[in-house]
Amino acid sequence: MSAGFVVALAEGFEATLEEVLSRTLSAELRAVVVGLLSQVEAARSAIAELSEQSDPSCAGC
């Protein structure tokens, strides 16, 4: 599985969580979703950074 695919998959999760967040009324559930969104964003950024470090010619792959 390529890093580009994993990054794109994480972006899809982020969009889904943002949609859930926009529809959630419970403060407790909103806090959980915000936490998940933060974790997915951090993981996506780390994977993208590792991918760029391992293959600079493939930035954004």
N, C-alpha and C. Protein backbone atom coordinates (compact mmCIF):
# COMPACT_ATOMS: atom_id res chain seq x y z
N MET A 1 0.85 -1.16 0.00
CA MET A 1 0.00 0.00 0.00
C MET A 1 0.91 1.24 0.00
N SER A 2 0.66 2.13 -0.91
CA SER A 2 1.51 3.31 -1.01
C SER A 2 1.12 4.36 0.03
N ALA A 3 2.10 5.17 0.38
CA ALA A 3 1.85 6.24 1.35
C ALA A 3 0.81 7.22 0.81
N GLY A 4 0.82 7.47 -0.48
CA GLY A 4 -0.16 8.37 -1.08
C GLY A 4 -1.58 7.86 -0.89
N PHE A 5 -1.76 6.55 -1.04
CA PHE A 5 -3.07 5.96 -0.82
C PHE A 5 -3.51 6.11 0.63
N VAL A 6 -2.59 5.87 1.56
CA VAL A 6 -2.90 5.97 2.98
C VAL A 6 -3.25 7.41 3.35
N VAL A 7 -2.53 8.36 2.80
CA VAL A 7 -2.81 9.78 3.05
C VAL A 7 -4.21 10.13 2.51
N ALA A 8 -4.52 9.67 1.31
CA ALA A 8 -5.84 9.93 0.74
C ALA A 8 -6.95 9.29 1.57
N LEU A 9 -6.70 8.10 2.05
CA LEU A 9 -7.67 7.41 2.90
C LEU A 9 -7.90 8.19 4.19
N ALA A 10 -6.82 8.68 4.79
CA ALA A 10 -6.94 9.49 6.02
C ALA A 10 -7.72 10.77 5.74
N GLU A 11 -7.50 11.38 4.59
CA GLU A 11 -8.25 12.59 4.23
C GLU A 11 -9.74 12.28 4.14
N GLY A 12 -10.08 11.10 3.62
CA GLY A 12 -11.47 10.68 3.56
C GLY A 12 -12.06 10.52 4.96
N PHE A 13 -11.29 9.92 5.87
CA PHE A 13 -11.74 9.79 7.25
C PHE A 13 -11.96 11.16 7.88
N GLU A 14 -11.04 12.08 7.60
CA GLU A 14 -11.17 13.44 8.15
C GLU A 14 -12.46 14.09 7.66
N ALA A 15 -12.75 13.97 6.39
CA ALA A 15 -13.97 14.56 5.83
C ALA A 15 -15.21 13.94 6.47
N THR A 16 -15.18 12.64 6.67
CA THR A 16 -16.31 11.96 7.30
C THR A 16 -16.50 12.44 8.74
N LEU A 17 -15.40 12.53 9.49
CA LEU A 17 -15.49 12.99 10.87
C LEU A 17 -15.97 14.44 10.95
N GLU A 18 -15.53 15.27 10.00
CA GLU A 18 -16.00 16.66 9.98
C GLU A 18 -17.50 16.72 9.71
N GLU A 19 -17.99 15.84 8.85
CA GLU A 19 -19.43 15.78 8.58
C GLU A 19 -20.19 15.32 9.82
N VAL A 20 -19.67 14.30 10.51
CA VAL A 20 -20.29 13.84 11.75
C VAL A 20 -20.30 14.98 12.76
N LEU A 21 -19.21 15.68 12.86
CA LEU A 21 -19.09 16.79 13.80
C LEU A 21 -20.14 17.87 13.51
N SER A 22 -20.38 18.13 12.25
CA SER A 22 -21.35 19.17 11.88
C SER A 22 -22.78 18.77 12.21
N ARG A 23 -23.03 17.47 12.40
CA ARG A 23 -24.39 16.99 12.66
C ARG A 23 -24.61 16.56 14.11
N THR A 24 -23.57 16.57 14.91
CA THR A 24 -23.65 16.07 16.27
C THR A 24 -24.14 17.15 17.23
N LEU A 25 -25.12 16.80 18.04
CA LEU A 25 -25.67 17.75 19.00
C LEU A 25 -25.10 17.54 20.40
N SER A 26 -24.71 16.34 20.71
CA SER A 26 -24.21 16.01 22.04
C SER A 26 -22.80 16.58 22.23
N ALA A 27 -22.61 17.31 23.31
CA ALA A 27 -21.29 17.88 23.60
C ALA A 27 -20.26 16.78 23.85
N GLU A 28 -20.69 15.71 24.49
CA GLU A 28 -19.77 14.60 24.77
C GLU A 28 -19.32 13.92 23.48
N LEU A 29 -20.27 13.67 22.58
CA LEU A 29 -19.91 13.04 21.31
C LEU A 29 -19.06 13.98 20.46
N ARG A 30 -19.36 15.27 20.49
CA ARG A 30 -18.54 16.24 19.74
C ARG A 30 -17.10 16.20 20.22
N ALA A 31 -16.89 16.11 21.52
CA ALA A 31 -15.54 16.05 22.07
C ALA A 31 -14.80 14.81 21.59
N VAL A 32 -15.51 13.69 21.54
CA VAL A 32 -14.89 12.44 21.08
C VAL A 32 -14.51 12.56 19.60
N VAL A 33 -15.42 13.10 18.80
CA VAL A 33 -15.16 13.24 17.36
C VAL A 33 -14.01 14.21 17.12
N VAL A 34 -13.95 15.29 17.87
CA VAL A 34 -12.84 16.25 17.73
C VAL A 34 -11.52 15.55 18.05
N GLY A 35 -11.51 14.71 19.08
CA GLY A 35 -10.30 13.96 19.43
C GLY A 35 -9.89 13.01 18.32
N LEU A 36 -10.86 12.29 17.75
CA LEU A 36 -10.56 11.38 16.64
C LEU A 36 -10.04 12.14 15.43
N LEU A 37 -10.66 13.26 15.14
CA LEU A 37 -10.23 14.08 14.00
C LEU A 37 -8.79 14.54 14.19
N SER A 38 -8.46 14.95 15.37
CA SER A 38 -7.10 15.38 15.67
C SER A 38 -6.10 14.24 15.48
N GLN A 39 -6.46 13.06 15.92
CA GLN A 39 -5.57 11.90 15.78
C GLN A 39 -5.38 11.52 14.31
N VAL A 40 -6.45 11.55 13.52
CA VAL A 40 -6.35 11.22 12.10
C VAL A 40 -5.51 12.26 11.37
N GLU A 41 -5.71 13.54 11.69
CA GLU A 41 -4.92 14.61 11.07
C GLU A 41 -3.43 14.44 11.37
N ALA A 42 -3.11 14.13 12.62
CA ALA A 42 -1.71 13.95 13.02
C ALA A 42 -1.10 12.74 12.30
N ALA A 43 -1.85 11.66 12.21
CA ALA A 43 -1.34 10.46 11.53
C ALA A 43 -1.13 10.74 10.04
N ARG A 44 -2.08 11.43 9.41
CA ARG A 44 -1.94 11.75 7.98
C ARG A 44 -0.71 12.61 7.75
N SER A 45 -0.52 13.61 8.57
CA SER A 45 0.64 14.49 8.42
C SER A 45 1.95 13.73 8.60
N ALA A 46 1.99 12.85 9.58
CA ALA A 46 3.20 12.07 9.84
C ALA A 46 3.50 11.13 8.67
N ILE A 47 2.47 10.49 8.13
CA ILE A 47 2.67 9.57 7.00
C ILE A 47 3.14 10.35 5.78
N ALA A 48 2.54 11.49 5.53
CA ALA A 48 2.94 12.31 4.38
C ALA A 48 4.39 12.77 4.53
N GLU A 49 4.75 13.17 5.73
CA GLU A 49 6.12 13.63 5.98
C GLU A 49 7.12 12.49 5.79
N LEU A 50 6.82 11.32 6.33
CA LEU A 50 7.70 10.16 6.17
C LEU A 50 7.84 9.79 4.70
N SER A 51 6.76 9.87 3.96
CA SER A 51 6.79 9.54 2.55
C SER A 51 7.69 10.51 1.79
N GLU A 52 7.59 11.79 2.11
CA GLU A 52 8.41 12.79 1.43
C GLU A 52 9.89 12.64 1.79
N GLN A 53 10.17 12.25 3.04
CA GLN A 53 11.55 12.06 3.47
C GLN A 53 12.17 10.84 2.80
N SER A 54 11.38 9.79 2.60
CA SER A 54 11.92 8.57 2.02
C SER A 54 12.07 8.66 0.51
N ASP A 55 11.25 9.52 -0.12
CA ASP A 55 11.32 9.68 -1.57
C ASP A 55 10.97 11.11 -1.95
N PRO A 56 11.93 12.04 -1.85
CA PRO A 56 11.65 13.46 -2.13
C PRO A 56 11.13 13.71 -3.53
N SER A 57 11.44 12.83 -4.49
CA SER A 57 10.96 13.02 -5.86
C SER A 57 9.49 12.71 -5.98
N CYS A 58 8.91 12.12 -4.95
CA CYS A 58 7.51 11.70 -4.98
C CYS A 58 6.66 12.55 -4.04
N ALA A 59 6.97 13.80 -3.88
CA ALA A 59 6.20 14.67 -2.99
C ALA A 59 4.74 14.71 -3.45
N GLY A 60 3.84 14.40 -2.52
CA GLY A 60 2.42 14.40 -2.83
C GLY A 60 1.90 13.14 -3.46
N CYS A 61 2.75 12.11 -3.59
CA CYS A 61 2.29 10.84 -4.18
C CYS A 61 1.31 10.15 -3.28
